[in-house]
Amino acid sequence: MRVCIVLALLGSFVGVARGQILPPGLPARSPLQGASAQIPVTVVRVGNINFAKPEKLVITLRPDQSTSTYVWLLSDTDSLTGIQFYLSLRRTSDSTPCQASVLTLPTAPGFLKDKSRPIPIEITGCGGNEAEGFLGILGSSGENREIPIVVKRWTSPWLTRVLFTSLVLALSIAFVCGAIASDHGHKLTDVIGSASWDFSSSWASNIAAFGTAFSFLIQLTIFPDKPLLGSRSEYTFLAGLALALVGLAPAAQRLTGQIRASNVAGVPAMVTNSSVAGFLVASVFTMWGSLQQIATQVLTVFELGTTAIIKREIAICTELCLVLAGVGLVVYCWRSILLTIATNATRTGVKKGTLEMFSGTAPDEAHAITRKIPLL
């Protein structure tokens, strides 16, 4: 009975051991075993093929998380075709296996014995800033069938610049307008009416809305598969963020206001009023979203022109029109903010400035809290 048990255990051990035997070319000696490598199920032995340059390969991915490059191979046989590779990567931040793949691009067939030749490949990496692992030749029994590889993500500064430059410009305009209003007797605590959106007068908000619709339409139709400055998802996010910022403007002004009782014309009512400071905060959100939307459209048209989806001449003309629209938007926002404060806010300070738009009589508090102030 004991002999039978021992034989059964030995049979199980041999079966497990055989199950662990890997065909040549699989990353058996790779420390990244268990990583999500894209390896075909059927492995064809290709003989003694090695990397002619076994040093570490460092590549940088495009915004779409892919890149094309060459690797140099050396074979001891002639006319070898059908070379395939495998890729095993881990993120360096947390050593977690991540999805990655390598594709052999079409090339002229054949090898010359003991002569190295380049093989074009396309690598698709994983998310994160950096990953490292091994690139190997599938089915090879050569000593240098694997090389270490580091995959870095290329990040464009342009989309980040769009986000923060538009914010800085919006804050600068609001600060200058606040200083001019204070110089003409309007304190930041002076009362002004609550904000509302009006299609006929809220031009900055309209620009953000139409720009978002334009971005989504481009994303669904002709946006390039391999953009240069940012990924498709980054462009979509910026377009949606711009519209969200404009949508937050009336909420920001309402949060800075308070509910009061109004008895204008003998009709009692509860109204929500804001202050000059609250109106400036709402204007920052509107300008930030609108300026960001225009800048994003400029980059989108640049992508279309650079990738030859549209003619370069058309792209340049469109970019110039968008830049002029941005300049006009800055002038419009500056004038609209000052004019809104001058005609709708109370004036409790000392007037020192001489701008003509502030020469009229400011409304009293009872009338100021009942007025609806259109968004920019």
Protein backbone atom coordinates (compact mmCIF):
# COMPACT_ATOMS: atom_id res chain seq x y z
CA MET A 1 0.00 0.00 0.00
CA ARG A 2 2.86 2.38 0.89
CA VAL A 3 4.55 1.56 -2.42
CA CYS A 4 1.40 2.57 -4.32
CA ILE A 5 1.19 5.85 -2.45
CA VAL A 6 4.85 6.63 -3.13
CA LEU A 7 4.43 5.82 -6.82
CA ALA A 8 1.36 8.03 -7.02
CA LEU A 9 3.20 10.93 -5.42
CA LEU A 10 6.15 10.47 -7.77
CA GLY A 11 3.79 10.45 -10.75
CA SER A 12 2.18 13.66 -9.60
CA PHE A 13 5.57 15.28 -9.11
CA VAL A 14 6.71 14.30 -12.59
CA GLY A 15 3.47 15.62 -14.07
CA VAL A 16 3.88 18.97 -12.35
CA ALA A 17 7.51 19.18 -13.36
CA ARG A 18 6.62 18.49 -16.99
CA GLY A 19 3.94 21.16 -16.84
CA GLN A 20 6.58 23.72 -15.90
CA ILE A 21 8.79 23.06 -18.93
CA LEU A 22 8.58 26.08 -21.22
CA PRO A 23 9.46 26.05 -24.91
CA PRO A 24 12.49 28.06 -25.98
CA GLY A 25 11.75 31.71 -26.42
CA LEU A 26 9.30 32.14 -23.52
CA PRO A 27 10.61 34.42 -20.78
CA ALA A 28 11.56 31.53 -18.50
CA ARG A 29 14.53 33.36 -17.04
CA SER A 30 12.79 36.71 -16.91
CA PRO A 31 12.21 38.04 -13.36
CA LEU A 32 8.90 39.44 -14.58
CA GLN A 33 7.15 36.09 -14.81
CA GLY A 34 3.45 36.61 -14.33
CA ALA A 35 3.38 39.96 -16.07
CA SER A 36 0.72 40.54 -18.67
CA ALA A 37 2.82 39.80 -21.73
CA GLN A 38 1.11 39.45 -25.10
CA ILE A 39 2.47 35.99 -26.06
CA PRO A 40 0.79 33.83 -28.70
CA VAL A 41 -0.38 30.43 -27.54
CA THR A 42 1.36 28.61 -30.42
CA VAL A 43 5.16 28.92 -30.20
CA VAL A 44 7.21 28.13 -33.29
CA ARG A 45 10.89 27.52 -32.73
CA VAL A 46 12.96 29.78 -34.93
CA GLY A 47 16.42 28.62 -33.94
CA ASN A 48 19.37 30.59 -32.67
CA ILE A 49 18.35 34.22 -33.16
CA ASN A 50 19.78 36.91 -30.93
CA PHE A 51 19.62 40.63 -30.49
CA ALA A 52 22.68 42.08 -32.23
CA LYS A 53 22.65 44.99 -29.76
CA PRO A 54 21.79 43.45 -26.38
CA GLU A 55 21.99 46.74 -24.44
CA LYS A 56 18.95 48.22 -22.72
CA LEU A 57 16.33 49.64 -25.06
CA VAL A 58 14.82 52.94 -23.89
CA ILE A 59 11.80 54.17 -25.84
CA THR A 60 9.35 57.03 -25.43
CA LEU A 61 5.69 56.53 -26.27
CA ARG A 62 3.55 58.97 -28.22
CA PRO A 63 0.44 60.43 -26.57
CA ASP A 64 -1.56 57.42 -27.85
CA GLN A 65 0.73 55.13 -25.78
CA SER A 66 2.45 53.61 -28.83
CA THR A 67 5.66 54.07 -30.80
CA SER A 68 7.49 52.53 -33.75
CA THR A 69 11.16 51.60 -33.63
CA TYR A 70 13.76 49.12 -34.91
CA VAL A 71 15.59 46.25 -33.23
CA TRP A 72 18.69 44.63 -34.73
CA LEU A 73 18.69 40.83 -34.93
CA LEU A 74 21.44 38.33 -35.73
CA SER A 75 20.73 34.83 -37.06
CA ASP A 76 22.90 31.78 -37.80
CA THR A 77 20.64 30.76 -40.70
CA ASP A 78 19.56 32.28 -44.01
CA SER A 79 16.11 33.30 -45.29
CA LEU A 80 14.40 33.24 -41.91
CA THR A 81 10.98 34.89 -41.83
CA GLY A 82 8.04 35.27 -39.47
CA ILE A 83 9.90 36.78 -36.51
CA GLN A 84 7.67 37.50 -33.52
CA PHE A 85 8.39 39.16 -30.19
CA TYR A 86 6.98 39.15 -26.69
CA LEU A 87 6.95 41.97 -24.16
CA SER A 88 6.73 41.81 -20.39
CA LEU A 89 6.44 45.07 -18.42
CA ARG A 90 5.92 46.29 -14.89
CA ARG A 91 5.23 49.84 -13.77
CA THR A 92 8.23 51.21 -11.89
CA SER A 93 6.05 53.12 -9.43
CA ASP A 94 4.43 50.07 -7.83
CA SER A 95 5.97 47.03 -9.64
CA THR A 96 2.53 46.03 -10.90
CA PRO A 97 2.34 44.04 -14.18
CA CYS A 98 0.72 46.11 -16.90
CA GLN A 99 -0.73 45.46 -20.32
CA ALA A 100 1.74 45.90 -23.15
CA SER A 101 2.12 44.48 -26.64
CA VAL A 102 4.65 44.38 -29.47
CA LEU A 103 3.80 43.97 -33.15
CA THR A 104 6.23 43.10 -35.93
CA LEU A 105 5.70 45.52 -38.80
CA PRO A 106 5.97 44.40 -42.47
CA THR A 107 9.54 44.14 -43.67
CA ALA A 108 11.58 42.59 -46.46
CA PRO A 109 11.86 38.81 -45.91
CA GLY A 110 14.98 36.87 -45.18
CA PHE A 111 18.18 36.96 -43.14
CA LEU A 112 21.79 36.61 -44.16
CA LYS A 113 23.79 34.27 -41.99
CA ASP A 114 25.78 36.07 -39.31
CA LYS A 115 24.64 39.43 -40.68
CA SER A 116 22.58 41.69 -38.43
CA ARG A 117 19.52 43.40 -39.84
CA PRO A 118 16.88 45.79 -38.48
CA ILE A 119 13.33 44.62 -37.83
CA PRO A 120 10.62 47.31 -37.45
CA ILE A 121 8.27 46.86 -34.51
CA GLU A 122 5.45 48.82 -32.91
CA ILE A 123 5.20 48.84 -29.13
CA THR A 124 2.07 49.72 -27.21
CA GLY A 125 2.77 50.43 -23.56
CA CYS A 126 0.70 50.68 -20.44
CA GLY A 127 -0.57 53.57 -18.37
CA GLY A 128 1.68 55.41 -15.97
CA ASN A 129 4.78 57.50 -16.43
CA GLU A 130 7.29 54.67 -16.81
CA ALA A 131 7.51 50.87 -17.03
CA GLU A 132 10.39 48.46 -17.42
CA GLY A 133 10.78 44.80 -18.29
CA PHE A 134 12.03 42.56 -21.09
CA LEU A 135 11.61 42.37 -24.84
CA GLY A 136 12.23 38.90 -26.25
CA ILE A 137 12.27 36.91 -29.49
CA LEU A 138 9.51 34.33 -29.45
CA GLY A 139 10.70 30.77 -30.05
CA SER A 140 14.41 31.61 -30.06
CA SER A 141 17.00 29.50 -28.27
CA GLY A 142 19.73 32.13 -28.50
CA GLU A 143 21.61 33.36 -25.47
CA ASN A 144 20.70 36.99 -26.15
CA ARG A 145 17.05 36.37 -27.01
CA GLU A 146 15.96 38.94 -24.38
CA ILE A 147 16.96 42.53 -23.77
CA PRO A 148 15.88 44.86 -20.97
CA ILE A 149 13.51 47.61 -22.03
CA VAL A 150 12.33 50.84 -20.43
CA VAL A 151 9.12 52.43 -21.70
CA LYS A 152 8.57 56.10 -20.88
CA ARG A 153 5.48 58.18 -21.53
CA TRP A 154 5.97 61.37 -23.48
CA THR A 155 3.94 64.21 -22.03
CA SER A 156 3.36 67.39 -23.97
CA PRO A 157 3.53 70.65 -22.02
CA TRP A 158 1.05 72.35 -24.35
CA LEU A 159 -2.17 71.07 -22.82
CA THR A 160 -0.93 71.94 -19.34
CA ARG A 161 0.02 75.40 -20.56
CA VAL A 162 -3.46 75.88 -21.99
CA LEU A 163 -5.04 75.02 -18.66
CA PHE A 164 -2.92 77.28 -16.47
CA THR A 165 -2.31 80.14 -18.90
CA SER A 166 -6.05 80.63 -19.37
CA LEU A 167 -6.50 80.63 -15.58
CA VAL A 168 -3.74 83.22 -15.06
CA LEU A 169 -5.18 85.43 -17.80
CA ALA A 170 -8.70 85.21 -16.33
CA LEU A 171 -7.43 86.10 -12.85
CA SER A 172 -5.42 89.02 -14.24
CA ILE A 173 -8.43 90.48 -16.05
CA ALA A 174 -10.62 90.15 -12.95
CA PHE A 175 -7.95 91.73 -10.75
CA VAL A 176 -7.50 94.72 -13.09
CA CYS A 177 -11.27 95.20 -13.40
CA GLY A 178 -11.64 95.04 -9.62
CA ALA A 179 -8.93 97.67 -9.17
CA ILE A 180 -10.55 99.98 -11.75
CA ALA A 181 -13.98 99.56 -10.14
CA SER A 182 -12.52 100.35 -6.71
CA ASP A 183 -10.90 103.46 -8.11
CA HIS A 184 -14.35 104.59 -9.26
CA GLY A 185 -16.02 104.16 -5.86
CA HIS A 186 -17.24 100.52 -6.02
CA LYS A 187 -16.07 98.47 -3.06
CA LEU A 188 -15.81 94.68 -3.33
CA THR A 189 -18.59 94.38 -0.75
CA ASP A 190 -21.04 96.57 -2.69
CA VAL A 191 -24.34 94.91 -3.57
CA ILE A 192 -25.08 93.62 -7.06
CA GLY A 193 -27.82 91.39 -8.45
CA SER A 194 -27.64 87.62 -9.00
CA ALA A 195 -26.27 86.14 -12.23
CA SER A 196 -28.30 84.49 -14.98
CA TRP A 197 -27.46 83.10 -18.40
CA ASP A 198 -28.82 84.90 -21.45
CA PHE A 199 -28.15 83.54 -24.93
CA SER A 200 -28.29 87.00 -26.50
CA SER A 201 -25.75 88.63 -24.16
CA SER A 202 -23.64 85.86 -22.54
CA TRP A 203 -21.17 85.63 -25.41
CA ALA A 204 -18.26 84.16 -23.46
CA SER A 205 -20.49 81.37 -22.16
CA ASN A 206 -21.79 80.75 -25.68
CA ILE A 207 -18.23 80.41 -26.99
CA ALA A 208 -17.47 77.74 -24.40
CA ALA A 209 -20.66 75.82 -25.21
CA PHE A 210 -20.18 75.91 -28.99
CA GLY A 211 -16.48 75.08 -28.58
CA THR A 212 -17.32 71.98 -26.58
CA ALA A 213 -19.76 70.82 -29.25
CA PHE A 214 -17.10 71.43 -31.91
CA SER A 215 -14.51 69.41 -29.94
CA PHE A 216 -16.80 66.43 -29.46
CA LEU A 217 -17.74 66.48 -33.16
CA ILE A 218 -14.07 66.49 -34.19
CA GLN A 219 -13.33 63.67 -31.74
CA LEU A 220 -16.06 61.53 -33.27
CA THR A 221 -15.13 62.19 -36.89
CA ILE A 222 -11.72 63.34 -38.13
CA PHE A 223 -9.44 63.59 -35.08
CA PRO A 224 -6.14 61.77 -35.85
CA ASP A 225 -5.53 58.35 -34.34
CA LYS A 226 -1.94 59.27 -33.49
CA PRO A 227 -1.95 62.92 -32.31
CA LEU A 228 1.25 64.81 -31.58
CA LEU A 229 0.48 67.10 -28.64
CA GLY A 230 -1.94 65.09 -26.53
CA SER A 231 -4.14 62.03 -26.50
CA ARG A 232 -7.75 61.98 -27.64
CA SER A 233 -8.92 61.58 -24.05
CA GLU A 234 -6.92 64.63 -22.92
CA TYR A 235 -8.51 66.83 -25.58
CA THR A 236 -11.96 65.54 -24.67
CA PHE A 237 -11.33 66.18 -20.98
CA LEU A 238 -10.20 69.78 -21.56
CA ALA A 239 -13.25 70.51 -23.71
CA GLY A 240 -15.60 69.10 -21.07
CA LEU A 241 -13.75 70.89 -18.27
CA ALA A 242 -14.12 74.24 -20.03
CA LEU A 243 -17.89 73.82 -20.25
CA ALA A 244 -18.04 72.73 -16.60
CA LEU A 245 -16.12 75.83 -15.49
CA VAL A 246 -18.57 78.10 -17.29
CA GLY A 247 -21.44 76.19 -15.71
CA LEU A 248 -19.95 76.80 -12.25
CA ALA A 249 -19.94 80.58 -12.70
CA PRO A 250 -23.52 81.33 -11.54
CA ALA A 251 -23.15 78.85 -8.69
CA ALA A 252 -19.95 80.60 -7.55
CA GLN A 253 -21.70 83.98 -7.53
CA ARG A 254 -24.70 82.57 -5.69
CA LEU A 255 -22.46 81.07 -2.99
CA THR A 256 -21.00 84.52 -2.27
CA GLY A 257 -24.44 86.14 -2.00
CA GLN A 258 -27.24 86.16 0.51
CA ILE A 259 -31.02 86.04 0.53
CA ARG A 260 -32.79 89.27 1.42
CA ALA A 261 -36.33 90.59 1.57
CA SER A 262 -37.21 93.08 -1.15
CA ASN A 263 -40.13 95.51 -1.15
CA VAL A 264 -39.62 97.30 -4.45
CA ALA A 265 -42.82 98.94 -5.76
CA GLY A 266 -44.63 97.76 -2.67
CA VAL A 267 -44.40 94.06 -3.60
CA PRO A 268 -42.61 91.99 -0.92
CA ALA A 269 -40.36 89.22 -2.23
CA MET A 270 -37.29 87.19 -1.25
CA VAL A 271 -34.37 87.77 -3.61
CA THR A 272 -30.76 86.58 -3.79
CA ASN A 273 -28.15 89.25 -4.16
CA SER A 274 -24.40 89.06 -4.55
CA SER A 275 -21.46 91.41 -4.21
CA VAL A 276 -18.94 92.90 -6.61
CA ALA A 277 -16.39 90.36 -5.36
CA GLY A 278 -18.81 87.50 -6.09
CA PHE A 279 -19.45 88.81 -9.59
CA LEU A 280 -15.68 88.95 -10.23
CA VAL A 281 -15.28 85.35 -9.01
CA ALA A 282 -18.05 84.22 -11.37
CA SER A 283 -16.39 86.12 -14.19
CA VAL A 284 -13.09 84.30 -13.52
CA PHE A 285 -14.80 80.92 -14.02
CA THR A 286 -16.48 82.10 -17.23
CA MET A 287 -13.31 83.61 -18.68
CA TRP A 288 -11.20 80.62 -17.64
CA GLY A 289 -13.49 78.16 -19.41
CA SER A 290 -13.95 80.30 -22.54
CA LEU A 291 -10.26 81.13 -23.01
CA GLN A 292 -9.29 77.52 -22.35
CA GLN A 293 -11.81 76.38 -24.93
CA ILE A 294 -10.41 78.69 -27.62
CA ALA A 295 -6.83 77.61 -26.91
CA THR A 296 -7.86 73.95 -27.07
CA GLN A 297 -9.44 74.56 -30.48
CA VAL A 298 -6.18 76.11 -31.70
CA LEU A 299 -4.27 72.97 -30.70
CA THR A 300 -6.95 70.73 -32.23
CA VAL A 301 -6.72 72.52 -35.59
CA PHE A 302 -2.92 72.30 -35.37
CA GLU A 303 -3.22 68.52 -34.93
CA LEU A 304 -5.48 68.30 -37.98
CA GLY A 305 -3.10 70.35 -40.10
CA THR A 306 0.08 68.58 -38.98
CA THR A 307 -1.34 65.12 -39.65
CA ALA A 308 -2.57 66.27 -43.11
CA ILE A 309 -6.22 65.62 -42.32
CA ILE A 310 -6.88 69.14 -43.56
CA LYS A 311 -4.62 71.32 -45.71
CA ARG A 312 -1.96 73.20 -43.83
CA GLU A 313 -3.10 76.50 -45.34
CA ILE A 314 -6.64 75.95 -44.06
CA ALA A 315 -5.31 75.06 -40.63
CA ILE A 316 -3.20 78.25 -40.44
CA CYS A 317 -6.12 80.47 -41.45
CA THR A 318 -8.38 78.80 -38.91
CA GLU A 319 -5.78 79.16 -36.17
CA LEU A 320 -5.41 82.88 -36.90
CA CYS A 321 -9.19 83.34 -36.72
CA LEU A 322 -9.28 81.55 -33.37
CA VAL A 323 -6.43 83.68 -32.00
CA LEU A 324 -8.24 86.86 -33.08
CA ALA A 325 -11.41 85.53 -31.45
CA GLY A 326 -9.43 85.04 -28.24
CA VAL A 327 -8.14 88.61 -28.33
CA GLY A 328 -11.66 89.88 -28.96
CA LEU A 329 -12.94 87.77 -26.07
CA VAL A 330 -10.43 89.37 -23.70
CA VAL A 331 -11.54 92.88 -24.74
CA TYR A 332 -15.21 91.91 -24.50
CA CYS A 333 -14.82 90.43 -21.01
CA TRP A 334 -12.89 93.45 -19.74
CA ARG A 335 -15.48 95.93 -20.99
CA SER A 336 -18.48 93.82 -19.94
CA ILE A 337 -17.22 93.37 -16.38
CA LEU A 338 -16.65 97.11 -15.90
CA LEU A 339 -19.94 98.08 -17.53
CA THR A 340 -21.91 95.56 -15.45
CA ILE A 341 -20.43 96.82 -12.22
CA ALA A 342 -20.90 100.48 -13.21
CA THR A 343 -24.59 100.12 -14.04
CA ASN A 344 -25.77 97.44 -11.58
CA ALA A 345 -23.72 97.70 -8.36
CA THR A 346 -24.15 100.12 -5.48
CA ARG A 347 -21.40 102.66 -4.89
CA THR A 348 -20.31 103.21 -1.29
CA GLY A 349 -16.73 104.35 -1.81
CA VAL A 350 -15.02 107.50 -2.98
CA LYS A 351 -14.88 107.97 -6.74
CA LYS A 352 -11.44 108.93 -8.04
CA GLY A 353 -11.34 107.64 -11.61
CA THR A 354 -12.67 109.40 -14.68
CA LEU A 355 -13.93 106.62 -16.95
CA GLU A 356 -17.12 107.70 -18.69
CA MET A 357 -18.94 104.40 -18.08
CA PHE A 358 -18.86 105.16 -14.31
CA SER A 359 -20.27 108.67 -14.70
CA GLY A 360 -23.89 107.61 -14.23
CA THR A 361 -25.76 107.33 -10.97
CA ALA A 362 -25.40 104.00 -9.21
CA PRO A 363 -28.60 102.22 -8.10
CA ASP A 364 -29.52 102.07 -4.44
CA GLU A 365 -29.39 98.79 -2.57
CA ALA A 366 -33.12 98.11 -2.80
CA HIS A 367 -33.06 98.23 -6.59
CA ALA A 368 -29.61 96.63 -7.02
CA ILE A 369 -30.62 93.36 -5.31
CA THR A 370 -33.58 92.85 -7.68
CA ARG A 371 -31.61 93.10 -10.93
CA LYS A 372 -30.59 90.02 -12.91
CA ILE A 373 -26.99 90.26 -14.06
CA PRO A 374 -26.23 88.36 -17.30
CA LEU A 375 -23.16 86.15 -17.32
CA LEU A 376 -20.30 87.16 -19.56
